[in-house]
Amino acid sequence: MTADLTRHESFVVDDIVSVIDYAGRVLLSADPGSHYQQDKAQSLARAAAALAERLEKGYVPTSRALVLEAAIAREARRYALGRLLFGKE
């Protein structure tokens, strides 16, 4: 993460990137109905729940949206769905 993020923002970015990672694994990397897809779908549900819990605990000001978006895009590009969402750089 970058130094321009608060601790809470860094955690939010990590959680969002986890959701992107697992969503990509479910949608792009798994045979429909496979054990792998089911396993990653469960991981996706846990990641989404963790993100929701984190967002309930702390507020991220909308004035920081561009900073968060840039951090999410940078980190998410490591994953297939992240590259589809944010481009390759």
C-alpha atoms as a PDB file:
ATOM      1  CA  MET A   1       0.000   0.000   0.000  1.00  0.00           C
ATOM      2  CA  THR A   2       1.017   3.561  -0.344  1.00  0.00           C
ATOM      3  CA  ALA A   3       1.818   6.035   2.395  1.00  0.00           C
ATOM      4  CA  ASP A   4      -0.991   8.359   1.279  1.00  0.00           C
ATOM      5  CA  LEU A   5      -3.637   5.989   2.673  1.00  0.00           C
ATOM      6  CA  THR A   6      -4.757   5.892   6.272  1.00  0.00           C
ATOM      7  CA  ARG A   7      -4.631   2.560   8.057  1.00  0.00           C
ATOM      8  CA  HIS A   8      -8.404   2.147   7.711  1.00  0.00           C
ATOM      9  CA  GLU A   9      -8.280   3.038   4.013  1.00  0.00           C
ATOM     10  CA  SER A  10      -5.502   0.493   3.447  1.00  0.00           C
ATOM     11  CA  PHE A  11      -7.652  -2.196   5.025  1.00  0.00           C
ATOM     12  CA  VAL A  12     -10.641  -1.169   2.898  1.00  0.00           C
ATOM     13  CA  VAL A  13      -8.507  -1.338  -0.252  1.00  0.00           C
ATOM     14  CA  ASP A  14      -7.205  -4.785   0.733  1.00  0.00           C
ATOM     15  CA  ASP A  15     -10.746  -6.013   1.360  1.00  0.00           C
ATOM     16  CA  ILE A  16     -12.048  -4.670  -1.957  1.00  0.00           C
ATOM     17  CA  VAL A  17      -9.134  -6.228  -3.828  1.00  0.00           C
ATOM     18  CA  SER A  18      -9.877  -9.565  -2.127  1.00  0.00           C
ATOM     19  CA  VAL A  19     -13.469  -9.368  -3.360  1.00  0.00           C
ATOM     20  CA  ILE A  20     -12.214  -8.625  -6.888  1.00  0.00           C
ATOM     21  CA  ASP A  21      -9.734 -11.516  -6.697  1.00  0.00           C
ATOM     22  CA  TYR A  22     -12.290 -14.091  -5.562  1.00  0.00           C
ATOM     23  CA  ALA A  23     -14.995 -12.822  -7.930  1.00  0.00           C
ATOM     24  CA  GLY A  24     -12.549 -13.274 -10.795  1.00  0.00           C
ATOM     25  CA  ARG A  25     -11.700 -16.790  -9.670  1.00  0.00           C
ATOM     26  CA  VAL A  26     -15.385 -17.703  -9.513  1.00  0.00           C
ATOM     27  CA  LEU A  27     -16.300 -16.068 -12.821  1.00  0.00           C
ATOM     28  CA  LEU A  28     -13.204 -16.532 -14.959  1.00  0.00           C
ATOM     29  CA  SER A  29     -11.086 -19.379 -13.651  1.00  0.00           C
ATOM     30  CA  ALA A  30     -13.464 -22.127 -12.671  1.00  0.00           C
ATOM     31  CA  ASP A  31     -15.516 -24.700 -14.468  1.00  0.00           C
ATOM     32  CA  PRO A  32     -19.180 -24.102 -13.628  1.00  0.00           C
ATOM     33  CA  GLY A  33     -20.256 -26.258 -10.704  1.00  0.00           C
ATOM     34  CA  SER A  34     -16.723 -27.455  -9.945  1.00  0.00           C
ATOM     35  CA  HIS A  35     -15.426 -27.926  -6.420  1.00  0.00           C
ATOM     36  CA  TYR A  36     -12.922 -25.131  -7.096  1.00  0.00           C
ATOM     37  CA  GLN A  37     -15.709 -22.730  -8.073  1.00  0.00           C
ATOM     38  CA  GLN A  38     -17.742 -23.621  -5.006  1.00  0.00           C
ATOM     39  CA  ASP A  39     -14.711 -23.185  -2.755  1.00  0.00           C
ATOM     40  CA  LYS A  40     -13.865 -19.790  -4.235  1.00  0.00           C
ATOM     41  CA  ALA A  41     -17.523 -18.715  -4.050  1.00  0.00           C
ATOM     42  CA  GLN A  42     -17.394 -19.377  -0.309  1.00  0.00           C
ATOM     43  CA  SER A  43     -14.162 -17.383  -0.097  1.00  0.00           C
ATOM     44  CA  LEU A  44     -15.852 -14.571  -2.034  1.00  0.00           C
ATOM     45  CA  ALA A  45     -18.750 -14.549   0.440  1.00  0.00           C
ATOM     46  CA  ARG A  46     -16.317 -14.331   3.372  1.00  0.00           C
ATOM     47  CA  ALA A  47     -14.338 -11.532   1.688  1.00  0.00           C
ATOM     48  CA  ALA A  48     -17.519  -9.565   0.970  1.00  0.00           C
ATOM     49  CA  ALA A  49     -18.685 -10.022   4.568  1.00  0.00           C
ATOM     50  CA  ALA A  50     -15.308  -8.803   5.861  1.00  0.00           C
ATOM     51  CA  LEU A  51     -15.557  -5.734   3.624  1.00  0.00           C
ATOM     52  CA  ALA A  52     -19.079  -4.984   4.835  1.00  0.00           C
ATOM     53  CA  GLU A  53     -17.987  -5.328   8.456  1.00  0.00           C
ATOM     54  CA  ARG A  54     -15.006  -3.048   7.930  1.00  0.00           C
ATOM     55  CA  LEU A  55     -17.156  -0.392   6.246  1.00  0.00           C
ATOM     56  CA  GLU A  56     -19.633  -0.541   9.121  1.00  0.00           C
ATOM     57  CA  LYS A  57     -16.802   0.182  11.563  1.00  0.00           C
ATOM     58  CA  GLY A  58     -15.400   3.223   9.831  1.00  0.00           C
ATOM     59  CA  TYR A  59     -16.286   5.959   7.447  1.00  0.00           C
ATOM     60  CA  VAL A  60     -14.260   6.721   4.326  1.00  0.00           C
ATOM     61  CA  PRO A  61     -14.834  10.331   3.238  1.00  0.00           C
ATOM     62  CA  THR A  62     -15.980  10.775  -0.338  1.00  0.00           C
ATOM     63  CA  SER A  63     -13.253  13.385  -0.726  1.00  0.00           C
ATOM     64  CA  ARG A  64     -10.803  10.468  -0.645  1.00  0.00           C
ATOM     65  CA  ALA A  65     -12.570   8.507  -3.395  1.00  0.00           C
ATOM     66  CA  LEU A  66      -9.971   9.209  -6.093  1.00  0.00           C
ATOM     67  CA  VAL A  67      -7.110   8.183  -3.821  1.00  0.00           C
ATOM     68  CA  LEU A  68      -8.899   4.944  -2.955  1.00  0.00           C
ATOM     69  CA  GLU A  69      -9.820   4.283  -6.572  1.00  0.00           C
ATOM     70  CA  ALA A  70      -6.195   4.642  -7.654  1.00  0.00           C
ATOM     71  CA  ALA A  71      -4.994   2.312  -4.895  1.00  0.00           C
ATOM     72  CA  ILE A  72      -7.671  -0.272  -5.688  1.00  0.00           C
ATOM     73  CA  ALA A  73      -6.876  -0.169  -9.400  1.00  0.00           C
ATOM     74  CA  ARG A  74      -3.139  -0.502  -8.772  1.00  0.00           C
ATOM     75  CA  GLU A  75      -3.540  -3.476  -6.441  1.00  0.00           C
ATOM     76  CA  ALA A  76      -6.374  -5.182  -8.342  1.00  0.00           C
ATOM     77  CA  ARG A  77      -4.418  -5.323 -11.588  1.00  0.00           C
ATOM     78  CA  ARG A  78      -2.551  -8.310 -10.160  1.00  0.00           C
ATOM     79  CA  TYR A  79      -5.711 -10.344 -10.779  1.00  0.00           C
ATOM     80  CA  ALA A  80      -7.543 -11.255 -13.993  1.00  0.00           C
ATOM     81  CA  LEU A  81     -10.792  -9.489 -13.096  1.00  0.00           C
ATOM     82  CA  GLY A  82      -8.864  -6.465 -11.869  1.00  0.00           C
ATOM     83  CA  ARG A  83      -7.158  -6.161 -15.249  1.00  0.00           C
ATOM     84  CA  LEU A  84     -10.544  -6.390 -16.970  1.00  0.00           C
ATOM     85  CA  LEU A  85     -11.988  -3.719 -14.684  1.00  0.00           C
ATOM     86  CA  PHE A  86      -9.043  -1.310 -14.586  1.00  0.00           C
ATOM     87  CA  GLY A  87      -6.942  -2.106 -17.650  1.00  0.00           C
ATOM     88  CA  LYS A  88      -3.387  -3.327 -17.727  1.00  0.00           C
ATOM     89  CA  GLU A  89      -1.863  -0.002 -16.555  1.00  0.00           C
END
